[in-house]
Amino acid sequence: MKKELKKAGNDRRVSKISVEKENANQNDMMNDITGMAVESNISKQITERTTKIVIIVILSSLFLLPFFEINTFKSYKSSLELGYNMLTDFYKKVEDGKYSEQDY
């Protein structure tokens, strides 16, 4: 019985090795036919993982970047707008009589 189990285990190992050799032969044939290298499983996994990371980074930056702008939380007036407001306030006060010629 133990010999049969060992033989079955050896057969599995042999079959795995023969499948790997067959895959390698198929890859070599594809290289010869197409002239391009066939992508390995490791490179496929790395490519998929890298693509997922890049997509996550791009989408997160797309949604998070507006929160890092100053105008998101507080609006600042430009110097042109501030100067215009100061002049109109001064003009209104002069017309109301709050300023005299001595105050200038």
Protein backbone atom coordinates (compact mmCIF):
# COMPACT_ATOMS: atom_id res chain seq x y z
CA MET A 1 0.00 0.00 0.00
CA LYS A 2 2.83 2.40 0.88
CA LYS A 3 4.52 1.60 -2.41
CA GLU A 4 1.33 2.43 -4.28
CA LEU A 5 1.06 5.80 -2.48
CA LYS A 6 4.70 6.59 -3.23
CA LYS A 7 4.16 5.59 -6.84
CA ALA A 8 1.06 7.82 -7.07
CA GLY A 9 3.01 10.73 -5.55
CA ASN A 10 5.85 10.20 -7.99
CA ASP A 11 3.37 10.06 -10.86
CA ARG A 12 1.93 13.40 -9.78
CA ARG A 13 5.39 14.93 -9.66
CA VAL A 14 6.23 13.51 -13.04
CA SER A 15 2.96 14.77 -14.48
CA LYS A 16 3.59 18.28 -13.05
CA ILE A 17 7.07 18.29 -14.55
CA SER A 18 5.77 17.07 -17.89
CA VAL A 19 3.05 19.76 -17.90
CA GLU A 20 5.66 22.44 -17.13
CA LYS A 21 7.88 21.15 -19.93
CA GLU A 22 4.91 21.10 -22.30
CA ASN A 23 4.05 24.70 -21.37
CA ALA A 24 7.65 25.72 -21.90
CA ASN A 25 7.62 24.04 -25.32
CA GLN A 26 4.38 25.82 -26.22
CA ASN A 27 5.89 29.13 -25.13
CA ASP A 28 8.95 28.47 -27.26
CA MET A 29 6.74 27.64 -30.24
CA MET A 30 4.75 30.85 -29.70
CA ASN A 31 8.02 32.81 -29.53
CA ASP A 32 9.09 31.31 -32.84
CA ILE A 33 5.72 31.94 -34.51
CA THR A 34 5.02 35.46 -33.30
CA GLY A 35 8.54 36.66 -32.68
CA MET A 36 7.44 38.01 -29.30
CA ALA A 37 8.03 36.65 -25.83
CA VAL A 38 5.05 35.15 -24.02
CA GLU A 39 4.20 36.87 -20.75
CA SER A 40 4.89 34.79 -17.65
CA ASN A 41 2.49 34.42 -14.72
CA ILE A 42 4.66 36.56 -12.45
CA SER A 43 4.81 39.40 -14.94
CA LYS A 44 1.03 39.19 -15.40
CA GLN A 45 0.50 39.49 -11.64
CA ILE A 46 2.93 42.39 -11.35
CA THR A 47 1.29 44.16 -14.29
CA GLU A 48 -2.20 43.72 -12.84
CA ARG A 49 -1.12 44.89 -9.39
CA THR A 50 0.69 47.92 -10.79
CA THR A 51 -2.30 48.84 -12.94
CA LYS A 52 -4.64 48.63 -9.93
CA ILE A 53 -2.32 50.81 -7.84
CA VAL A 54 -2.01 53.43 -10.58
CA ILE A 55 -5.79 53.56 -11.04
CA ILE A 56 -6.33 53.94 -7.28
CA VAL A 57 -3.74 56.75 -7.04
CA ILE A 58 -5.21 58.63 -10.00
CA LEU A 59 -8.80 58.37 -8.76
CA SER A 60 -7.89 59.31 -5.20
CA SER A 61 -5.91 62.34 -6.38
CA LEU A 62 -8.82 63.32 -8.62
CA PHE A 63 -11.21 63.38 -5.67
CA LEU A 64 -8.84 64.66 -2.96
CA LEU A 65 -7.00 67.49 -4.74
CA PRO A 66 -9.89 69.98 -4.48
CA PHE A 67 -9.65 69.72 -0.69
CA PHE A 68 -6.07 70.99 -0.77
CA GLU A 69 -6.93 74.25 -2.52
CA ILE A 70 -7.20 77.41 -0.42
CA ASN A 71 -10.48 78.53 -1.95
CA THR A 72 -12.21 75.34 -0.84
CA PHE A 73 -12.47 76.47 2.78
CA LYS A 74 -12.00 80.24 2.70
CA SER A 75 -12.37 82.68 -0.15
CA TYR A 76 -9.77 85.41 -0.47
CA LYS A 77 -10.38 88.65 -2.31
CA SER A 78 -7.93 89.88 -4.91
CA SER A 79 -6.03 93.13 -4.43
CA LEU A 80 -8.10 94.73 -7.19
CA GLU A 81 -11.32 93.89 -5.37
CA LEU A 82 -9.93 95.10 -2.02
CA GLY A 83 -8.80 98.42 -3.53
CA TYR A 84 -12.15 98.94 -5.22
CA ASN A 85 -13.99 98.26 -1.95
CA MET A 86 -11.77 100.73 -0.06
CA LEU A 87 -12.40 103.48 -2.65
CA THR A 88 -16.16 102.95 -2.71
CA ASP A 89 -16.31 102.97 1.11
CA PHE A 90 -14.29 106.21 1.19
CA TYR A 91 -16.52 107.79 -1.47
CA LYS A 92 -19.68 106.86 0.44
CA LYS A 93 -18.28 108.31 3.68
CA VAL A 94 -17.29 111.55 1.93
CA GLU A 95 -20.77 111.90 0.44
CA ASP A 96 -22.38 111.23 3.83
CA GLY A 97 -20.25 113.97 5.35
CA LYS A 98 -18.25 111.74 7.69
CA TYR A 99 -14.97 113.08 6.25
CA SER A 100 -14.03 116.70 5.87
CA GLU A 101 -11.25 118.29 3.87
CA GLN A 102 -9.00 118.21 6.93
CA ASP A 103 -9.28 114.41 7.26
CA TYR A 104 -7.62 113.75 3.89
